[in-house]
Amino acid sequence: MCGIVGLFAKSAEVEDRLGEHLAAMLAQMSDRGPDSAGVAVYRNPAPSGSSKLTLYSADPSEDWVAVARALSNALGGSPEPAVRASHAVVVVETDALDAESWVRSNRPDLRVMSAGSVIEIYKETGLPHEFVAQFGIADFEGTHALGHTRMATESRVTTAGSHPFSTGFDLCLVHNGSLSNHNRLRENLRHEDIEFQTENDTEVAAGYLSWRMREGASLEEALEGCLDDLDGFYTFAVGTADGFAVLRDPIACKPAVLAETDDWVAMGSEWRAIAVLPGAAEAEMWEPEPGVVYVWEKTKV
């Protein structure tokens, strides 16, 4: 079933309390996805010429300081990681592609959850409220964020199989639904040098968007391509460095609600996820139309 939430700040007040609001929204989606939860938060831009990686280790005794120092020695950057539970954010003085390549060559046991200039992805198995407390989600400040609670129906409950998925720099996707042509599409995208780390169909959709945008499509154009190239039923929420977008398939059997005020734009699988936000009672609210792309970006607000 799964639950999706998204929040785009249009005021400094909402940016300062982004994590607090995101945590409250995520809690409302607990019964839609009790198996695992995850968030993508856009915050703390890396210095010019640098990038940051969010890394995950299945080893609870992982020496993150040693990992960060090894990366710093090889690529430059800060030797001090920002650790949250089973994840750590490291900043390196190179582009994200080189940093990802180093990790996969030298520490293949680690998983790169996200790479870019502003994105951080955290996800873990367990109940959403436990995830929120474990990772201190309510402490985050940021410009925008997406969240997901998962009810696994087609694959095992694992950290790697949880949402969000990121297959491009500062790009992430959360998904409610199921794709029927993801296996063939995965093979086609591998021929385009798109790499996958799980068998999850959502990662394939994220890879498709990465490929389309790498080829020059805008976010809106890439999502419109989903309507022709992705078979199945879905509600997508997509995050980029500048904002987020929402798309429902032409049948639109998966629920979604959008709302907007002068201070924020929010998305939820159900209204109750948005109702916890300040000013929700006065918000403009609507159900996104089937097959229509909705986009909010910092440069357009």
Protein backbone atom coordinates (compact mmCIF):
# COMPACT_ATOMS: atom_id res chain seq x y z
CA MET A 1 0.00 0.00 0.00
CA CYS A 2 2.73 2.48 1.08
CA GLY A 3 2.52 6.13 2.05
CA ILE A 4 4.18 9.15 0.47
CA VAL A 5 4.74 12.64 1.87
CA GLY A 6 6.46 15.68 0.44
CA LEU A 7 7.08 19.19 1.73
CA PHE A 8 8.48 22.21 -0.13
CA ALA A 9 9.28 25.26 1.99
CA LYS A 10 8.34 28.69 0.68
CA SER A 11 9.33 30.57 3.86
CA ALA A 12 12.30 30.63 6.24
CA GLU A 13 10.03 29.57 9.10
CA VAL A 14 9.13 26.31 7.35
CA GLU A 15 12.77 25.70 6.35
CA ASP A 16 13.79 26.00 10.01
CA ARG A 17 11.20 23.40 11.06
CA LEU A 18 11.26 21.22 7.96
CA GLY A 19 12.29 18.06 9.81
CA GLU A 20 9.71 18.57 12.54
CA HIS A 21 6.95 18.91 9.96
CA LEU A 22 8.27 15.98 7.90
CA ALA A 23 8.35 13.73 10.97
CA ALA A 24 4.74 14.57 11.80
CA MET A 25 3.64 13.89 8.22
CA LEU A 26 5.51 10.58 8.13
CA ALA A 27 3.89 9.45 11.38
CA GLN A 28 0.47 9.86 9.79
CA MET A 29 1.44 7.34 7.09
CA SER A 30 2.53 4.61 9.52
CA ASP A 31 -0.40 2.28 8.92
CA ARG A 32 0.08 2.57 5.14
CA GLY A 33 3.66 1.34 5.49
CA PRO A 34 4.76 -0.33 8.74
CA ASP A 35 7.72 -2.27 7.30
CA SER A 36 10.25 0.50 6.76
CA ALA A 37 10.57 4.23 6.25
CA GLY A 38 12.88 6.70 4.59
CA VAL A 39 13.40 10.36 3.77
CA ALA A 40 15.30 12.47 1.27
CA VAL A 41 16.16 15.88 2.71
CA TYR A 42 17.67 18.75 0.73
CA ARG A 43 19.90 20.83 2.98
CA ASN A 44 23.42 22.02 3.85
CA PRO A 45 24.90 22.51 0.35
CA ALA A 46 28.42 21.14 -0.09
CA PRO A 47 31.10 23.79 -0.73
CA SER A 48 31.69 24.81 -4.34
CA GLY A 49 33.70 22.12 -6.12
CA SER A 50 32.76 19.51 -3.52
CA SER A 51 29.99 16.95 -3.18
CA LYS A 52 28.52 14.85 -0.41
CA LEU A 53 27.62 11.19 -0.12
CA THR A 54 25.17 9.54 2.22
CA LEU A 55 26.52 6.08 3.01
CA TYR A 56 24.92 3.08 4.71
CA SER A 57 26.59 0.19 6.51
CA ALA A 58 24.92 -3.01 7.66
CA ASP A 59 27.65 -3.29 10.31
CA PRO A 60 26.47 -1.53 13.49
CA SER A 61 30.10 -1.14 14.60
CA GLU A 62 31.20 0.56 11.35
CA ASP A 63 34.12 2.95 11.93
CA TRP A 64 32.76 5.96 10.07
CA VAL A 65 35.68 8.14 11.06
CA ALA A 66 38.06 5.73 9.32
CA VAL A 67 35.80 5.72 6.24
CA ALA A 68 35.72 9.53 6.09
CA ARG A 69 39.49 9.79 6.58
CA ALA A 70 40.15 7.29 3.81
CA LEU A 71 37.91 9.27 1.47
CA SER A 72 39.59 12.51 2.52
CA ASN A 73 43.06 11.09 1.93
CA ALA A 74 42.08 9.85 -1.51
CA LEU A 75 39.84 12.66 -2.74
CA GLY A 76 40.21 15.56 -0.31
CA GLY A 77 37.42 16.92 1.83
CA SER A 78 36.38 16.70 5.46
CA PRO A 79 37.70 13.76 7.50
CA GLU A 80 34.79 14.18 9.94
CA PRO A 81 31.58 12.30 9.04
CA ALA A 82 28.09 13.32 10.14
CA VAL A 83 26.75 10.07 11.58
CA ARG A 84 23.08 9.24 12.05
CA ALA A 85 22.36 5.68 13.15
CA SER A 86 23.42 3.29 10.35
CA HIS A 87 24.18 6.14 7.92
CA ALA A 88 26.87 8.79 7.56
CA VAL A 89 27.29 11.86 5.36
CA VAL A 90 30.80 12.61 4.08
CA VAL A 91 31.95 15.64 2.08
CA VAL A 92 34.66 15.22 -0.56
CA GLU A 93 36.51 17.71 -2.76
CA THR A 94 35.55 16.12 -6.06
CA ASP A 95 32.47 15.45 -8.11
CA ALA A 96 29.97 12.88 -6.95
CA LEU A 97 30.76 10.43 -9.76
CA ASP A 98 34.41 10.10 -8.70
CA ALA A 99 33.38 9.77 -5.07
CA GLU A 100 30.86 7.02 -5.82
CA SER A 101 33.43 5.16 -7.92
CA TRP A 102 35.96 5.27 -5.08
CA VAL A 103 33.46 3.87 -2.58
CA ARG A 104 32.39 1.04 -4.88
CA SER A 105 36.00 0.11 -5.64
CA ASN A 106 37.40 0.41 -2.13
CA ARG A 107 34.41 -0.24 0.14
CA PRO A 108 31.94 -2.35 -1.83
CA ASP A 109 30.31 -3.39 1.45
CA LEU A 110 28.96 0.14 1.86
CA ARG A 111 25.89 1.34 -0.02
CA VAL A 112 25.75 4.82 -1.52
CA MET A 113 22.28 6.02 -0.59
CA SER A 114 22.63 9.38 -2.31
CA ALA A 115 25.21 11.63 -3.97
CA GLY A 116 25.12 15.26 -4.99
CA SER A 117 25.47 18.72 -3.55
CA VAL A 118 22.43 18.99 -1.26
CA ILE A 119 20.61 15.65 -1.01
CA GLU A 120 20.78 13.34 2.01
CA ILE A 121 18.86 10.03 2.08
CA TYR A 122 18.19 8.02 5.21
CA LYS A 123 16.12 4.84 5.33
CA GLU A 124 15.75 1.80 7.54
CA THR A 125 13.48 -1.12 8.35
CA GLY A 126 11.04 -0.88 11.23
CA LEU A 127 8.05 1.23 12.15
CA PRO A 128 8.08 4.82 10.88
CA HIS A 129 7.95 6.38 14.34
CA GLU A 130 10.96 4.29 15.36
CA PHE A 131 12.82 5.44 12.25
CA VAL A 132 12.00 9.09 12.98
CA ALA A 133 13.39 8.79 16.52
CA GLN A 134 16.42 6.72 15.50
CA PHE A 135 17.59 9.21 12.89
CA GLY A 136 16.53 12.41 14.61
CA ILE A 137 14.46 13.49 11.61
CA ALA A 138 12.71 16.24 13.56
CA ASP A 139 16.03 18.09 14.00
CA PHE A 140 16.56 18.72 10.28
CA GLU A 141 16.40 22.12 8.65
CA GLY A 142 16.19 22.28 4.86
CA THR A 143 14.46 23.59 1.76
CA HIS A 144 12.37 20.55 0.86
CA ALA A 145 12.01 16.85 1.55
CA LEU A 146 10.24 13.64 0.56
CA GLY A 147 9.30 10.73 2.78
CA HIS A 148 7.99 7.19 2.33
CA THR A 149 6.55 4.44 4.48
CA ARG A 150 6.64 1.00 2.89
CA MET A 151 4.40 -2.03 2.95
CA ALA A 152 6.46 -4.61 1.06
CA THR A 153 4.34 -6.62 -1.37
CA GLU A 154 6.82 -7.69 -4.06
CA SER A 155 10.20 -7.95 -2.34
CA ARG A 156 11.80 -8.58 1.04
CA VAL A 157 11.80 -6.01 3.81
CA THR A 158 15.35 -4.66 3.73
CA THR A 159 17.07 -1.32 4.17
CA ALA A 160 18.30 -1.40 0.56
CA GLY A 161 14.81 -2.13 -0.73
CA SER A 162 13.24 0.77 1.14
CA HIS A 163 12.47 4.15 -0.42
CA PRO A 164 13.63 6.76 -1.44
CA PHE A 165 15.79 5.60 -4.36
CA SER A 166 18.46 7.75 -5.94
CA THR A 167 20.12 6.93 -9.26
CA GLY A 168 21.27 10.42 -10.19
CA PHE A 169 22.94 13.33 -8.46
CA ASP A 170 20.52 15.15 -6.16
CA LEU A 171 17.69 13.12 -7.71
CA CYS A 172 15.40 10.80 -5.78
CA LEU A 173 12.07 9.04 -6.22
CA VAL A 174 9.41 7.61 -3.93
CA HIS A 175 6.64 5.47 -5.36
CA ASN A 176 3.30 4.01 -4.41
CA GLY A 177 2.20 1.31 -6.84
CA SER A 178 3.74 -1.34 -9.05
CA LEU A 179 5.41 -1.44 -12.47
CA SER A 180 4.89 -4.42 -14.77
CA ASN A 181 7.71 -3.82 -17.28
CA HIS A 182 10.53 -2.99 -14.88
CA ASN A 183 12.65 -6.07 -15.66
CA ARG A 184 12.91 -5.33 -19.38
CA LEU A 185 13.33 -1.62 -18.73
CA ARG A 186 16.14 -2.35 -16.25
CA GLU A 187 18.05 -4.29 -18.89
CA ASN A 188 17.57 -1.54 -21.45
CA LEU A 189 18.81 1.09 -19.01
CA ARG A 190 21.88 -0.97 -18.14
CA HIS A 191 22.86 -0.64 -21.78
CA GLU A 192 22.74 3.12 -21.17
CA ASP A 193 25.18 2.74 -18.23
CA ILE A 194 22.52 3.22 -15.56
CA GLU A 195 23.51 1.12 -12.54
CA PHE A 196 21.11 -0.62 -10.16
CA GLN A 197 21.73 -2.01 -6.70
CA THR A 198 18.40 -3.73 -5.98
CA GLU A 199 15.59 -5.57 -7.76
CA ASN A 200 13.04 -2.97 -6.69
CA ASP A 201 10.86 -1.58 -9.48
CA THR A 202 11.05 1.90 -7.97
CA GLU A 203 14.79 2.01 -8.53
CA VAL A 204 14.12 1.29 -12.21
CA ALA A 205 11.75 4.25 -12.41
CA ALA A 206 14.41 6.43 -10.77
CA GLY A 207 16.97 5.15 -13.26
CA TYR A 208 14.65 5.97 -16.14
CA LEU A 209 14.34 9.57 -14.95
CA SER A 210 18.13 9.85 -14.51
CA TRP A 211 18.67 8.60 -18.05
CA ARG A 212 16.10 10.93 -19.60
CA MET A 213 17.50 13.96 -17.77
CA ARG A 214 21.07 12.99 -18.64
CA GLU A 215 19.97 13.01 -22.28
CA GLY A 216 18.74 16.58 -21.93
CA ALA A 217 15.12 16.28 -20.84
CA SER A 218 13.77 18.57 -18.16
CA LEU A 219 12.26 16.99 -15.05
CA GLU A 220 8.80 17.64 -16.44
CA GLU A 221 9.67 16.10 -19.82
CA ALA A 222 11.22 13.04 -18.15
CA LEU A 223 8.09 12.47 -16.09
CA GLU A 224 5.88 12.89 -19.15
CA GLY A 225 7.96 10.15 -20.77
CA CYS A 226 6.93 7.81 -17.95
CA LEU A 227 3.38 7.92 -19.28
CA ASP A 228 4.55 6.25 -22.51
CA ASP A 229 7.40 4.04 -21.31
CA LEU A 230 6.37 2.77 -17.87
CA ASP A 231 3.60 0.18 -17.62
CA GLY A 232 1.73 -0.23 -14.36
CA PHE A 233 0.09 1.97 -11.78
CA TYR A 234 1.91 4.54 -9.72
CA THR A 235 2.04 7.78 -7.85
CA PHE A 236 5.53 9.26 -8.06
CA ALA A 237 7.05 12.03 -5.99
CA VAL A 238 10.45 13.13 -7.30
CA GLY A 239 13.02 15.34 -5.60
CA THR A 240 15.74 17.42 -7.24
CA ALA A 241 18.17 20.01 -5.95
CA ASP A 242 15.67 22.75 -6.81
CA GLY A 243 12.35 21.25 -5.84
CA PHE A 244 9.97 18.36 -6.27
CA ALA A 245 7.36 16.99 -8.66
CA VAL A 246 4.34 14.70 -8.51
CA LEU A 247 2.89 12.40 -11.18
CA ARG A 248 0.03 9.91 -11.13
CA ASP A 249 -0.42 7.37 -13.92
CA PRO A 250 -3.37 7.82 -16.35
CA ILE A 251 -5.60 5.44 -14.35
CA ALA A 252 -4.67 7.03 -10.99
CA CYS A 253 -5.82 4.24 -8.73
CA LYS A 254 -3.27 5.20 -6.07
CA PRO A 255 -4.37 8.08 -3.84
CA ALA A 256 -2.67 11.47 -3.64
CA VAL A 257 -3.49 14.93 -2.32
CA LEU A 258 -1.74 18.26 -2.93
CA ALA A 259 -2.06 21.45 -0.91
CA GLU A 260 -0.45 24.89 -1.00
CA THR A 261 -0.21 27.96 1.20
CA ASP A 262 1.97 31.07 1.12
CA ASP A 263 4.50 29.16 3.27
CA TRP A 264 4.62 25.67 1.79
CA VAL A 265 3.56 23.14 -0.81
CA ALA A 266 2.76 19.66 0.49
CA MET A 267 1.88 16.27 -0.92
CA GLY A 268 0.51 13.22 0.85
CA SER A 269 -1.09 9.90 0.06
CA GLU A 270 -3.91 11.06 2.35
CA TRP A 271 -5.04 14.46 3.62
CA ARG A 272 -4.26 13.56 7.22
CA ALA A 273 -0.53 13.73 6.41
CA ILE A 274 -0.97 17.37 5.35
CA ALA A 275 -3.47 18.30 8.07
CA VAL A 276 -0.68 18.34 10.69
CA LEU A 277 1.03 21.31 8.98
CA PRO A 278 0.55 24.89 10.24
CA GLY A 279 -2.10 26.68 8.22
CA ALA A 280 -3.43 23.48 6.66
CA ALA A 281 -7.03 24.46 7.36
CA GLU A 282 -6.64 27.49 5.07
CA ALA A 283 -4.62 25.73 2.36
CA GLU A 284 -5.73 25.34 -1.22
CA MET A 285 -6.23 21.58 -1.58
CA TRP A 286 -6.80 19.41 -4.64
CA GLU A 287 -6.39 15.90 -6.00
CA PRO A 288 -3.71 15.77 -8.71
CA GLU A 289 -5.16 14.92 -12.11
CA PRO A 290 -4.21 11.60 -13.75
CA GLY A 291 -1.28 11.87 -16.16
CA VAL A 292 -0.48 15.49 -15.25
CA VAL A 293 2.97 16.54 -13.99
CA TYR A 294 3.05 19.02 -11.10
CA VAL A 295 6.39 20.73 -10.43
CA TRP A 296 7.57 23.21 -7.80
CA GLU A 297 11.09 24.62 -7.96
CA LYS A 298 12.88 27.36 -6.03
CA THR A 299 13.38 29.45 -9.15
CA LYS A 300 9.66 29.37 -9.93
CA VAL A 301 8.22 30.22 -6.51
